[in-house]
């Protein structure tokens, strides 16, 4: 019985090997080739630059250059990031200024702590003017792009913000005058006022 089982197993193995070999021969004879697996090509991920203090100015300059080259979508992507970054920084500074101001005004605060916080507050004032200017430039160009695309609602939002925050100036090339002209263009009211 043991020998019979061994022979039967041996025969089954031979039959399986024979069938496999025969299928390979038939495929080659009929011209059927095994097609390689099609793998989808993985697109390289675009590394998006995070805006921070060290690259803020260069990012804005790059975006302005892209606007001049009429590459509006790429410029808009950068400008929206710079706008959001500067807005966030200004909001944070505003919060900290209020908190530091309360501590400085508190009579229980030591003189050393007051001096330290006053130095910080002065530094924050410098940062406010820098970030405010960067935010205005970003908002202006965002409004410019939306105006050129005919999206007056979005353009108006950014351009109006620039008019509110930029000092009034009648010089033709001032930020205020360029913004006013662009906003009136968005409304089709050029030259009206």
Protein backbone atom coordinates (compact mmCIF):
# COMPACT_ATOMS: atom_id res chain seq x y z
CA UNK A 1 0.00 0.00 0.00
CA UNK A 2 2.80 2.39 0.81
CA UNK A 3 4.41 1.71 -2.56
CA UNK A 4 1.07 2.23 -4.36
CA UNK A 5 0.57 5.64 -2.69
CA UNK A 6 4.12 6.61 -3.58
CA UNK A 7 3.58 5.66 -7.24
CA UNK A 8 0.24 7.51 -7.37
CA UNK A 9 1.78 10.64 -5.90
CA UNK A 10 4.67 10.33 -8.31
CA UNK A 11 2.24 10.00 -11.25
CA UNK A 12 0.19 12.99 -10.12
CA UNK A 13 3.33 15.11 -9.83
CA UNK A 14 4.44 14.05 -13.30
CA UNK A 15 1.03 14.87 -14.75
CA UNK A 16 1.05 18.36 -13.16
CA UNK A 17 4.57 19.07 -14.43
CA UNK A 18 3.67 17.79 -17.87
CA UNK A 19 0.53 19.96 -17.99
CA UNK A 20 2.48 23.03 -16.91
CA UNK A 21 5.21 22.40 -19.51
CA UNK A 22 2.62 21.79 -22.20
CA UNK A 23 0.83 25.05 -21.39
CA UNK A 24 4.10 26.99 -21.71
CA UNK A 25 4.89 25.35 -25.04
CA UNK A 26 1.38 26.08 -26.35
CA UNK A 27 1.58 29.72 -25.32
CA UNK A 28 4.89 30.17 -27.14
CA UNK A 29 3.65 28.29 -30.20
CA UNK A 30 0.49 30.40 -30.43
CA UNK A 31 2.39 33.65 -29.89
CA UNK A 32 0.75 34.34 -26.57
CA UNK A 33 3.22 36.16 -24.43
CA UNK A 34 2.89 37.05 -20.86
CA UNK A 35 2.31 40.75 -20.78
CA UNK A 36 4.23 42.67 -18.22
CA UNK A 37 2.20 44.16 -15.43
CA UNK A 38 1.24 47.70 -16.17
CA UNK A 39 2.06 49.81 -13.23
CA UNK A 40 0.81 53.31 -13.02
CA UNK A 41 3.53 55.83 -13.06
CA UNK A 42 3.65 57.66 -9.81
CA UNK A 43 3.79 61.36 -10.36
CA UNK A 44 6.54 62.94 -8.35
CA UNK A 45 5.03 64.90 -5.54
CA UNK A 46 5.35 68.62 -5.94
CA UNK A 47 7.14 69.96 -2.97
CA UNK A 48 5.26 73.00 -1.87
CA UNK A 49 7.30 75.63 -0.20
CA UNK A 50 6.11 76.67 3.21
CA UNK A 51 6.20 80.42 3.63
CA UNK A 52 8.16 81.66 6.60
CA UNK A 53 10.12 84.72 7.68
CA UNK A 54 13.27 83.69 5.84
CA UNK A 55 11.62 83.29 2.41
CA UNK A 56 8.73 85.76 2.59
CA UNK A 57 10.35 88.54 0.55
CA UNK A 58 11.75 86.20 -2.09
CA UNK A 59 8.38 84.43 -2.40
CA UNK A 60 6.61 87.74 -3.03
CA UNK A 61 9.27 88.75 -5.56
CA UNK A 62 8.89 85.39 -7.33
CA UNK A 63 5.11 85.83 -7.45
CA UNK A 64 5.40 89.35 -8.88
CA UNK A 65 7.80 88.04 -11.56
CA UNK A 66 5.26 85.30 -12.40
CA UNK A 67 2.52 87.94 -12.75
CA UNK A 68 4.74 89.86 -15.18
CA UNK A 69 5.19 86.62 -17.18
CA UNK A 70 1.40 86.15 -17.14
CA UNK A 71 1.69 82.93 -15.10
CA UNK A 72 -1.22 83.98 -12.95
CA UNK A 73 -2.19 80.67 -11.34
CA UNK A 74 1.33 79.97 -10.05
CA UNK A 75 1.61 83.55 -8.82
CA UNK A 76 -1.77 83.35 -7.11
CA UNK A 77 -0.81 80.14 -5.29
CA UNK A 78 2.28 81.83 -3.83
CA UNK A 79 0.49 85.09 -3.04
CA UNK A 80 -2.35 83.38 -1.20
CA UNK A 81 0.22 81.60 0.96
CA UNK A 82 2.15 84.79 1.69
CA UNK A 83 -1.09 86.61 2.46
CA UNK A 84 -2.24 83.88 4.88
CA UNK A 85 1.18 83.74 6.53
CA UNK A 86 1.43 87.50 7.05
CA UNK A 87 -2.15 87.70 8.30
CA UNK A 88 -1.45 84.93 10.81
CA UNK A 89 1.75 86.57 12.04
CA UNK A 90 0.05 89.95 12.44
CA UNK A 91 -2.80 88.35 14.38
CA UNK A 92 -0.32 86.60 16.66
CA UNK A 93 1.66 89.78 17.23
CA UNK A 94 -1.51 91.70 18.03
CA UNK A 95 -2.49 89.11 20.62
CA UNK A 96 0.97 89.12 22.20
CA UNK A 97 1.13 92.92 22.27
CA UNK A 98 -2.12 93.02 24.25
CA UNK A 99 -0.87 90.39 26.70
CA UNK A 100 2.56 91.99 27.11
CA UNK A 101 0.93 95.40 27.54
CA UNK A 102 -1.19 94.10 30.41
CA UNK A 103 1.86 92.64 32.12
CA UNK A 104 3.90 95.84 31.66
CA UNK A 105 1.04 97.92 33.11
CA UNK A 106 0.66 95.62 36.11
CA UNK A 107 2.32 97.24 39.16
CA UNK A 108 3.23 93.78 40.47
CA UNK A 109 5.55 93.12 37.51
CA UNK A 110 9.23 93.47 38.33
CA UNK A 111 11.29 96.18 36.65
CA UNK A 112 13.47 93.56 34.92
CA UNK A 113 10.43 91.84 33.41
CA UNK A 114 8.99 95.18 32.30
CA UNK A 115 12.24 96.14 30.57
CA UNK A 116 12.40 92.74 28.85
CA UNK A 117 8.80 93.03 27.63
CA UNK A 118 9.25 96.63 26.45
CA UNK A 119 12.18 95.49 24.29
CA UNK A 120 9.95 92.73 22.89
CA UNK A 121 7.13 95.19 22.26
CA UNK A 122 9.46 97.50 20.34
CA UNK A 123 10.66 94.59 18.22
CA UNK A 124 7.04 93.65 17.55
CA UNK A 125 6.34 97.16 16.25
CA UNK A 126 9.14 96.74 13.72
CA UNK A 127 7.71 93.38 12.69
CA UNK A 128 4.21 94.81 12.35
CA UNK A 129 5.34 97.37 9.77
CA UNK A 130 7.31 94.74 7.83
CA UNK A 131 4.54 92.16 7.78
CA UNK A 132 1.85 94.75 7.13
CA UNK A 133 3.70 95.90 4.01
CA UNK A 134 4.14 92.30 2.80
CA UNK A 135 0.46 91.60 3.41
CA UNK A 136 -0.55 94.72 1.46
CA UNK A 137 1.61 93.75 -1.51
CA UNK A 138 0.23 90.21 -1.48
CA UNK A 139 -3.36 91.46 -1.23
CA UNK A 140 -2.79 93.97 -4.05
CA UNK A 141 -1.49 91.34 -6.46
CA UNK A 142 -4.18 88.83 -5.45
CA UNK A 143 -6.74 91.52 -6.22
CA UNK A 144 -4.93 92.30 -9.47
CA UNK A 145 -5.10 88.66 -10.60
CA UNK A 146 -8.76 88.29 -9.68
CA UNK A 147 -9.56 91.54 -11.51
CA UNK A 148 -7.83 90.30 -14.65
CA UNK A 149 -9.80 87.04 -14.38
CA UNK A 150 -13.06 88.99 -14.02
CA UNK A 151 -13.74 87.75 -10.48
CA UNK A 152 -14.78 91.11 -9.03
CA UNK A 153 -16.07 89.73 -5.72
CA UNK A 154 -12.75 88.19 -4.77
CA UNK A 155 -10.81 91.12 -6.22
CA UNK A 156 -12.88 93.60 -4.24
CA UNK A 157 -12.21 91.83 -0.95
CA UNK A 158 -8.43 92.06 -1.29
CA UNK A 159 -8.26 95.47 -2.95
CA UNK A 160 -10.59 97.05 -0.40
CA UNK A 161 -8.39 95.71 2.38
CA UNK A 162 -5.36 97.35 0.77
CA UNK A 163 -7.18 100.69 0.53
CA UNK A 164 -8.10 100.48 4.21
CA UNK A 165 -4.60 99.71 5.42
CA UNK A 166 -2.41 101.69 3.01
CA UNK A 167 -1.82 105.37 3.74
CA UNK A 168 -3.65 107.73 1.37
CA UNK A 169 -1.32 109.03 -1.32
CA UNK A 170 -2.22 110.93 -4.51
CA UNK A 171 1.00 110.00 -6.35
CA UNK A 172 0.05 108.07 -9.47
CA UNK A 173 2.43 105.17 -8.74
CA UNK A 174 1.59 104.87 -5.02
CA UNK A 175 0.10 101.65 -3.71
CA UNK A 176 -3.07 103.48 -2.68
CA UNK A 177 -3.66 105.02 -6.14
CA UNK A 178 -2.84 101.80 -8.02
CA UNK A 179 -5.22 99.90 -5.77
CA UNK A 180 -8.00 102.48 -6.15
CA UNK A 181 -7.63 102.40 -9.94
CA UNK A 182 -7.68 98.61 -9.99
CA UNK A 183 -10.74 98.48 -7.74
CA UNK A 184 -12.59 100.97 -9.95
CA UNK A 185 -11.57 98.89 -12.98
CA UNK A 186 -13.09 95.84 -11.32
CA UNK A 187 -16.35 97.80 -10.99
CA UNK A 188 -16.06 99.26 -14.52
CA UNK A 189 -15.92 102.71 -12.98
CA UNK A 190 -12.49 103.82 -14.21
CA UNK A 191 -12.10 107.60 -14.12
CA UNK A 192 -15.38 108.17 -12.27
CA UNK A 193 -13.82 109.20 -8.95
